[in-house]
Amino acid sequence: MHDFASRTLDELLGEERTSLADEIGRSVQADLQTLDSGVEILATVVEAIHPPAGAANAYHGVQAAQIGAQALI
């Protein structure tokens, strides 16, 4: 949970998802090793993260405006 709470919405919904997945995998692996479980995490993937329902339309509007601004440059 700390991995999510320490990031901005842009980081979670954007390109930072890969590093988030890596951090989660390392954290879970450390916990498993502490428990001497014998389990090895081979991959951790964050497939999708969506903004909160109330903020989704606003977020997508801002995202579209940013893409449009980059296209003009």
PDB file of N, CA and C in Angstrom:
ATOM      1  N   MET A   1       0.822  -1.187   0.000  1.00  0.00           N
ATOM      2  CA  MET A   1       0.000   0.000   0.000  1.00  0.00           C
ATOM      3  C   MET A   1       0.870   1.256   0.000  1.00  0.00           C
ATOM      4  N   HIS A   2       1.986   1.213   0.727  1.00  0.00           N
ATOM      5  CA  HIS A   2       2.873   2.375   0.791  1.00  0.00           C
ATOM      6  C   HIS A   2       3.376   2.750  -0.598  1.00  0.00           C
ATOM      7  N   ASP A   3       3.598   1.753  -1.455  1.00  0.00           N
ATOM      8  CA  ASP A   3       4.094   2.031  -2.801  1.00  0.00           C
ATOM      9  C   ASP A   3       3.108   2.887  -3.591  1.00  0.00           C
ATOM     10  N   PHE A   4       1.811   2.669  -3.367  1.00  0.00           N
ATOM     11  CA  PHE A   4       0.797   3.469  -4.046  1.00  0.00           C
ATOM     12  C   PHE A   4       0.673   4.846  -3.406  1.00  0.00           C
ATOM     13  N   ALA A   5       0.644   4.889  -2.090  1.00  0.00           N
ATOM     14  CA  ALA A   5       0.401   6.139  -1.369  1.00  0.00           C
ATOM     15  C   ALA A   5       1.530   7.145  -1.533  1.00  0.00           C
ATOM     16  N   SER A   6       2.722   6.682  -1.860  1.00  0.00           N
ATOM     17  CA  SER A   6       3.863   7.591  -1.968  1.00  0.00           C
ATOM     18  C   SER A   6       4.030   8.167  -3.373  1.00  0.00           C
ATOM     19  N   ARG A   7       3.110   7.891  -4.273  1.00  0.00           N
ATOM     20  CA  ARG A   7       3.218   8.365  -5.657  1.00  0.00           C
ATOM     21  C   ARG A   7       2.044   9.263  -6.025  1.00  0.00           C
ATOM     22  N   THR A   8       2.281  10.120  -7.013  1.00  0.00           N
ATOM     23  CA  THR A   8       1.207  10.974  -7.507  1.00  0.00           C
ATOM     24  C   THR A   8       0.332  10.171  -8.463  1.00  0.00           C
ATOM     25  N   LEU A   9      -0.851  10.700  -8.747  1.00  0.00           N
ATOM     26  CA  LEU A   9      -1.756  10.040  -9.680  1.00  0.00           C
ATOM     27  C   LEU A   9      -1.116   9.925 -11.055  1.00  0.00           C
ATOM     28  N   ASP A  10      -0.417  10.975 -11.488  1.00  0.00           N
ATOM     29  CA  ASP A  10       0.256  10.931 -12.791  1.00  0.00           C
ATOM     30  C   ASP A  10       1.288   9.813 -12.851  1.00  0.00           C
ATOM     31  N   GLU A  11       2.031   9.628 -11.768  1.00  0.00           N
ATOM     32  CA  GLU A  11       3.034   8.559 -11.738  1.00  0.00           C
ATOM     33  C   GLU A  11       2.361   7.190 -11.819  1.00  0.00           C
ATOM     34  N   LEU A  12       1.271   7.022 -11.088  1.00  0.00           N
ATOM     35  CA  LEU A  12       0.590   5.727 -11.071  1.00  0.00           C
ATOM     36  C   LEU A  12      -0.062   5.400 -12.404  1.00  0.00           C
ATOM     37  N   LEU A  13      -0.609   6.408 -13.063  1.00  0.00           N
ATOM     38  CA  LEU A  13      -1.320   6.167 -14.312  1.00  0.00           C
ATOM     39  C   LEU A  13      -0.409   6.233 -15.527  1.00  0.00           C
ATOM     40  N   GLY A  14       0.796   6.725 -15.353  1.00  0.00           N
ATOM     41  CA  GLY A  14       1.705   6.902 -16.475  1.00  0.00           C
ATOM     42  C   GLY A  14       2.802   5.862 -16.540  1.00  0.00           C
ATOM     43  N   GLU A  15       3.957   6.328 -16.939  1.00  0.00           N
ATOM     44  CA  GLU A  15       5.087   5.443 -17.202  1.00  0.00           C
ATOM     45  C   GLU A  15       5.714   4.863 -15.939  1.00  0.00           C
ATOM     46  N   GLU A  16       5.360   5.383 -14.782  1.00  0.00           N
ATOM     47  CA  GLU A  16       5.942   4.906 -13.528  1.00  0.00           C
ATOM     48  C   GLU A  16       5.374   3.553 -13.085  1.00  0.00           C
ATOM     49  N   ARG A  17       4.384   3.043 -13.806  1.00  0.00           N
ATOM     50  CA  ARG A  17       3.789   1.755 -13.409  1.00  0.00           C
ATOM     51  C   ARG A  17       4.821   0.643 -13.378  1.00  0.00           C
ATOM     52  N   THR A  18       5.771   0.674 -14.301  1.00  0.00           N
ATOM     53  CA  THR A  18       6.792  -0.378 -14.347  1.00  0.00           C
ATOM     54  C   THR A  18       7.654  -0.348 -13.096  1.00  0.00           C
ATOM     55  N   SER A  19       8.100   0.840 -12.704  1.00  0.00           N
ATOM     56  CA  SER A  19       8.924   0.915 -11.494  1.00  0.00           C
ATOM     57  C   SER A  19       8.101   0.584 -10.261  1.00  0.00           C
ATOM     58  N   LEU A  20       6.815   0.916 -10.278  1.00  0.00           N
ATOM     59  CA  LEU A  20       5.931   0.550  -9.169  1.00  0.00           C
ATOM     60  C   LEU A  20       5.855  -0.966  -9.049  1.00  0.00           C
ATOM     61  N   ALA A  21       5.675  -1.649 -10.167  1.00  0.00           N
ATOM     62  CA  ALA A  21       5.606  -3.110 -10.157  1.00  0.00           C
ATOM     63  C   ALA A  21       6.910  -3.705  -9.636  1.00  0.00           C
ATOM     64  N   ASP A  22       8.036  -3.149 -10.054  1.00  0.00           N
ATOM     65  CA  ASP A  22       9.336  -3.637  -9.579  1.00  0.00           C
ATOM     66  C   ASP A  22       9.471  -3.472  -8.070  1.00  0.00           C
ATOM     67  N   GLU A  23       9.069  -2.304  -7.569  1.00  0.00           N
ATOM     68  CA  GLU A  23       9.161  -2.053  -6.127  1.00  0.00           C
ATOM     69  C   GLU A  23       8.248  -2.985  -5.334  1.00  0.00           C
ATOM     70  N   ILE A  24       7.049  -3.211  -5.844  1.00  0.00           N
ATOM     71  CA  ILE A  24       6.123  -4.127  -5.168  1.00  0.00           C
ATOM     72  C   ILE A  24       6.713  -5.532  -5.144  1.00  0.00           C
ATOM     73  N   GLY A  25       7.270  -5.967  -6.274  1.00  0.00           N
ATOM     74  CA  GLY A  25       7.878  -7.292  -6.344  1.00  0.00           C
ATOM     75  C   GLY A  25       9.017  -7.461  -5.357  1.00  0.00           C
ATOM     76  N   ARG A  26       9.889  -6.449  -5.272  1.00  0.00           N
ATOM     77  CA  ARG A  26      11.004  -6.515  -4.321  1.00  0.00           C
ATOM     78  C   ARG A  26      10.504  -6.553  -2.881  1.00  0.00           C
ATOM     79  N   SER A  27       9.486  -5.762  -2.589  1.00  0.00           N
ATOM     80  CA  SER A  27       8.940  -5.715  -1.229  1.00  0.00           C
ATOM     81  C   SER A  27       8.312  -7.048  -0.831  1.00  0.00           C
ATOM     82  N   VAL A  28       7.527  -7.617  -1.736  1.00  0.00           N
ATOM     83  CA  VAL A  28       6.896  -8.912  -1.452  1.00  0.00           C
ATOM     84  C   VAL A  28       7.961  -9.994  -1.305  1.00  0.00           C
ATOM     85  N   GLN A  29       8.987  -9.965  -2.181  1.00  0.00           N
ATOM     86  CA  GLN A  29      10.057 -10.959  -2.102  1.00  0.00           C
ATOM     87  C   GLN A  29      10.793 -10.857  -0.773  1.00  0.00           C
ATOM     88  N   ALA A  30      11.054  -9.642  -0.319  1.00  0.00           N
ATOM     89  CA  ALA A  30      11.728  -9.458   0.973  1.00  0.00           C
ATOM     90  C   ALA A  30      10.893 -10.047   2.106  1.00  0.00           C
ATOM     91  N   ASP A  31       9.583  -9.819   2.062  1.00  0.00           N
ATOM     92  CA  ASP A  31       8.700 -10.391   3.089  1.00  0.00           C
ATOM     93  C   ASP A  31       8.712 -11.916   3.036  1.00  0.00           C
ATOM     94  N   LEU A  32       8.704 -12.470   1.823  1.00  0.00           N
ATOM     95  CA  LEU A  32       8.717 -13.927   1.680  1.00  0.00           C
ATOM     96  C   LEU A  32      10.029 -14.518   2.192  1.00  0.00           C
ATOM     97  N   GLN A  33      11.132 -13.822   1.942  1.00  0.00           N
ATOM     98  CA  GLN A  33      12.422 -14.309   2.437  1.00  0.00           C
ATOM     99  C   GLN A  33      12.489 -14.235   3.956  1.00  0.00           C
ATOM    100  N   THR A  34      11.922 -13.188   4.528  1.00  0.00           N
ATOM    101  CA  THR A  34      11.874 -13.067   5.985  1.00  0.00           C
ATOM    102  C   THR A  34      11.113 -14.241   6.593  1.00  0.00           C
ATOM    103  N   LEU A  35      10.070 -14.680   5.893  1.00  0.00           N
ATOM    104  CA  LEU A  35       9.266 -15.811   6.361  1.00  0.00           C
ATOM    105  C   LEU A  35       9.916 -17.152   6.031  1.00  0.00           C
ATOM    106  N   ASP A  36      11.039 -17.114   5.289  1.00  0.00           N
ATOM    107  CA  ASP A  36      11.724 -18.332   4.855  1.00  0.00           C
ATOM    108  C   ASP A  36      10.754 -19.256   4.122  1.00  0.00           C
ATOM    109  N   SER A  37       9.981 -18.652   3.204  1.00  0.00           N
ATOM    110  CA  SER A  37       8.886 -19.369   2.543  1.00  0.00           C
ATOM    111  C   SER A  37       9.339 -20.295   1.418  1.00  0.00           C
ATOM    112  N   GLY A  38      10.483 -20.009   0.820  1.00  0.00           N
ATOM    113  CA  GLY A  38      10.922 -20.813  -0.314  1.00  0.00           C
ATOM    114  C   GLY A  38      10.255 -20.393  -1.621  1.00  0.00           C
ATOM    115  N   VAL A  39       9.478 -19.327  -1.591  1.00  0.00           N
ATOM    116  CA  VAL A  39       8.785 -18.826  -2.784  1.00  0.00           C
ATOM    117  C   VAL A  39       9.621 -17.715  -3.406  1.00  0.00           C
ATOM    118  N   GLU A  40       9.752 -17.753  -4.737  1.00  0.00           N
ATOM    119  CA  GLU A  40      10.479 -16.709  -5.451  1.00  0.00           C
ATOM    120  C   GLU A  40       9.530 -15.992  -6.402  1.00  0.00           C
ATOM    121  N   ILE A  41       9.488 -14.677  -6.305  1.00  0.00           N
ATOM    122  CA  ILE A  41       8.680 -13.864  -7.212  1.00  0.00           C
ATOM    123  C   ILE A  41       9.446 -13.741  -8.527  1.00  0.00           C
ATOM    124  N   LEU A  42       8.841 -14.178  -9.620  1.00  0.00           N
ATOM    125  CA  LEU A  42       9.496 -14.111 -10.922  1.00  0.00           C
ATOM    126  C   LEU A  42       9.125 -12.853 -11.684  1.00  0.00           C
ATOM    127  N   ALA A  43       7.918 -12.362 -11.490  1.00  0.00           N
ATOM    128  CA  ALA A  43       7.484 -11.151 -12.189  1.00  0.00           C
ATOM    129  C   ALA A  43       6.342 -10.509 -11.416  1.00  0.00           C
ATOM    130  N   THR A  44       6.307  -9.209 -11.490  1.00  0.00           N
ATOM    131  CA  THR A  44       5.211  -8.447 -10.906  1.00  0.00           C
ATOM    132  C   THR A  44       4.752  -7.455 -11.965  1.00  0.00           C
ATOM    133  N   VAL A  45       3.467  -7.462 -12.270  1.00  0.00           N
ATOM    134  CA  VAL A  45       2.926  -6.599 -13.312  1.00  0.00           C
ATOM    135  C   VAL A  45       1.729  -5.836 -12.760  1.00  0.00           C
ATOM    136  N   VAL A  46       1.702  -4.540 -13.013  1.00  0.00           N
ATOM    137  CA  VAL A  46       0.518  -3.742 -12.710  1.00  0.00           C
ATOM    138  C   VAL A  46      -0.192  -3.563 -14.049  1.00  0.00           C
ATOM    139  N   GLU A  47      -1.261  -4.318 -14.254  1.00  0.00           N
ATOM    140  CA  GLU A  47      -1.942  -4.305 -15.550  1.00  0.00           C
ATOM    141  C   GLU A  47      -2.668  -3.005 -15.821  1.00  0.00           C
ATOM    142  N   ALA A  48      -3.413  -2.520 -14.846  1.00  0.00           N
ATOM    143  CA  ALA A  48      -4.195  -1.307 -15.069  1.00  0.00           C
ATOM    144  C   ALA A  48      -4.451  -0.605 -13.750  1.00  0.00           C
ATOM    145  N   ILE A  49      -4.414   0.690 -13.810  1.00  0.00           N
ATOM    146  CA  ILE A  49      -4.785   1.526 -12.674  1.00  0.00           C
ATOM    147  C   ILE A  49      -5.691   2.609 -13.236  1.00  0.00           C
ATOM    148  N   HIS A  50      -6.807   2.835 -12.588  1.00  0.00           N
ATOM    149  CA  HIS A  50      -7.764   3.831 -13.058  1.00  0.00           C
ATOM    150  C   HIS A  50      -7.921   4.925 -12.013  1.00  0.00           C
ATOM    151  N   PRO A  51      -8.106   6.171 -12.467  1.00  0.00           N
ATOM    152  CA  PRO A  51      -8.331   7.246 -11.498  1.00  0.00           C
ATOM    153  C   PRO A  51      -9.650   7.016 -10.770  1.00  0.00           C
ATOM    154  N   PRO A  52      -9.815   7.624  -9.603  1.00  0.00           N
ATOM    155  CA  PRO A  52     -11.083   7.499  -8.887  1.00  0.00           C
ATOM    156  C   PRO A  52     -12.237   7.944  -9.787  1.00  0.00           C
ATOM    157  N   ALA A  53     -13.388   7.313  -9.642  1.00  0.00           N
ATOM    158  CA  ALA A  53     -14.533   7.571 -10.520  1.00  0.00           C
ATOM    159  C   ALA A  53     -14.861   9.058 -10.634  1.00  0.00           C
ATOM    160  N   GLY A  54     -14.838   9.774  -9.532  1.00  0.00           N
ATOM    161  CA  GLY A  54     -15.178  11.190  -9.562  1.00  0.00           C
ATOM    162  C   GLY A  54     -14.163  12.045 -10.290  1.00  0.00           C
ATOM    163  N   ALA A  55     -12.945  11.574 -10.409  1.00  0.00           N
ATOM    164  CA  ALA A  55     -11.882  12.361 -11.033  1.00  0.00           C
ATOM    165  C   ALA A  55     -11.552  11.893 -12.444  1.00  0.00           C
ATOM    166  N   ALA A  56     -12.136  10.799 -12.875  1.00  0.00           N
ATOM    167  CA  ALA A  56     -11.757  10.198 -14.157  1.00  0.00           C
ATOM    168  C   ALA A  56     -11.950  11.150 -15.332  1.00  0.00           C
ATOM    169  N   ASN A  57     -13.116  11.781 -15.443  1.00  0.00           N
ATOM    170  CA  ASN A  57     -13.359  12.675 -16.582  1.00  0.00           C
ATOM    171  C   ASN A  57     -12.390  13.844 -16.585  1.00  0.00           C
ATOM    172  N   ALA A  58     -12.166  14.441 -15.429  1.00  0.00           N
ATOM    173  CA  ALA A  58     -11.238  15.569 -15.343  1.00  0.00           C
ATOM    174  C   ALA A  58      -9.826  15.120 -15.694  1.00  0.00           C
ATOM    175  N   TYR A  59      -9.415  13.967 -15.195  1.00  0.00           N
ATOM    176  CA  TYR A  59      -8.068  13.470 -15.471  1.00  0.00           C
ATOM    177  C   TYR A  59      -7.889  13.232 -16.966  1.00  0.00           C
ATOM    178  N   HIS A  60      -8.868  12.594 -17.596  1.00  0.00           N
ATOM    179  CA  HIS A  60      -8.755  12.308 -19.027  1.00  0.00           C
ATOM    180  C   HIS A  60      -8.755  13.601 -19.849  1.00  0.00           C
ATOM    181  N   GLY A  61      -9.493  14.616 -19.397  1.00  0.00           N
ATOM    182  CA  GLY A  61      -9.473  15.906 -20.077  1.00  0.00           C
ATOM    183  C   GLY A  61      -8.106  16.558 -20.015  1.00  0.00           C
ATOM    184  N   VAL A  62      -7.493  16.530 -18.850  1.00  0.00           N
ATOM    185  CA  VAL A  62      -6.148  17.093 -18.683  1.00  0.00           C
ATOM    186  C   VAL A  62      -5.146  16.310 -19.520  1.00  0.00           C
ATOM    187  N   GLN A  63      -5.269  15.005 -19.504  1.00  0.00           N
ATOM    188  CA  GLN A  63      -4.359  14.154 -20.274  1.00  0.00           C
ATOM    189  C   GLN A  63      -4.478  14.461 -21.768  1.00  0.00           C
ATOM    190  N   ALA A  64      -5.703  14.607 -22.261  1.00  0.00           N
ATOM    191  CA  ALA A  64      -5.916  14.922 -23.676  1.00  0.00           C
ATOM    192  C   ALA A  64      -5.326  16.288 -24.020  1.00  0.00           C
ATOM    193  N   ALA A  65      -5.475  17.261 -23.126  1.00  0.00           N
ATOM    194  CA  ALA A  65      -4.911  18.592 -23.361  1.00  0.00           C
ATOM    195  C   ALA A  65      -3.385  18.538 -23.403  1.00  0.00           C
ATOM    196  N   GLN A  66      -2.776  17.736 -22.534  1.00  0.00           N
ATOM    197  CA  GLN A  66      -1.318  17.606 -22.527  1.00  0.00           C
ATOM    198  C   GLN A  66      -0.826  16.966 -23.818  1.00  0.00           C
ATOM    199  N   ILE A  67      -1.529  15.952 -24.276  1.00  0.00           N
ATOM    200  CA  ILE A  67      -1.148  15.296 -25.534  1.00  0.00           C
ATOM    201  C   ILE A  67      -1.286  16.271 -26.693  1.00  0.00           C
ATOM    202  N   GLY A  68      -2.378  17.046 -26.696  1.00  0.00           N
ATOM    203  CA  GLY A  68      -2.578  18.048 -27.738  1.00  0.00           C
ATOM    204  C   GLY A  68      -1.491  19.109 -27.727  1.00  0.00           C
ATOM    205  N   ALA A  69      -1.096  19.547 -26.546  1.00  0.00           N
ATOM    206  CA  ALA A  69      -0.040  20.555 -26.430  1.00  0.00           C
ATOM    207  C   ALA A  69       1.292  20.012 -26.931  1.00  0.00           C
ATOM    208  N   GLN A  70       1.582  18.762 -26.643  1.00  0.00           N
ATOM    209  CA  GLN A  70       2.835  18.158 -27.109  1.00  0.00           C
ATOM    210  C   GLN A  70       2.832  18.007 -28.623  1.00  0.00           C
ATOM    211  N   ALA A  71       1.665  17.737 -29.190  1.00  0.00           N
ATOM    212  CA  ALA A  71       1.564  17.575 -30.635  1.00  0.00           C
ATOM    213  C   ALA A  71       1.828  18.895 -31.355  1.00  0.00           C
ATOM    214  N   LEU A  72       1.522  20.009 -30.701  1.00  0.00           N
ATOM    215  CA  LEU A  72       1.737  21.318 -31.309  1.00  0.00           C
ATOM    216  C   LEU A  72       3.192  21.752 -31.287  1.00  0.00           C
ATOM    217  N   ILE A  73       3.973  21.152 -30.414  1.00  0.00           N
ATOM    218  CA  ILE A  73       5.382  21.558 -30.273  1.00  0.00           C
ATOM    219  C   ILE A  73       6.234  20.985 -31.361  1.00  0.00           C
TER     220      ILE A  73
END
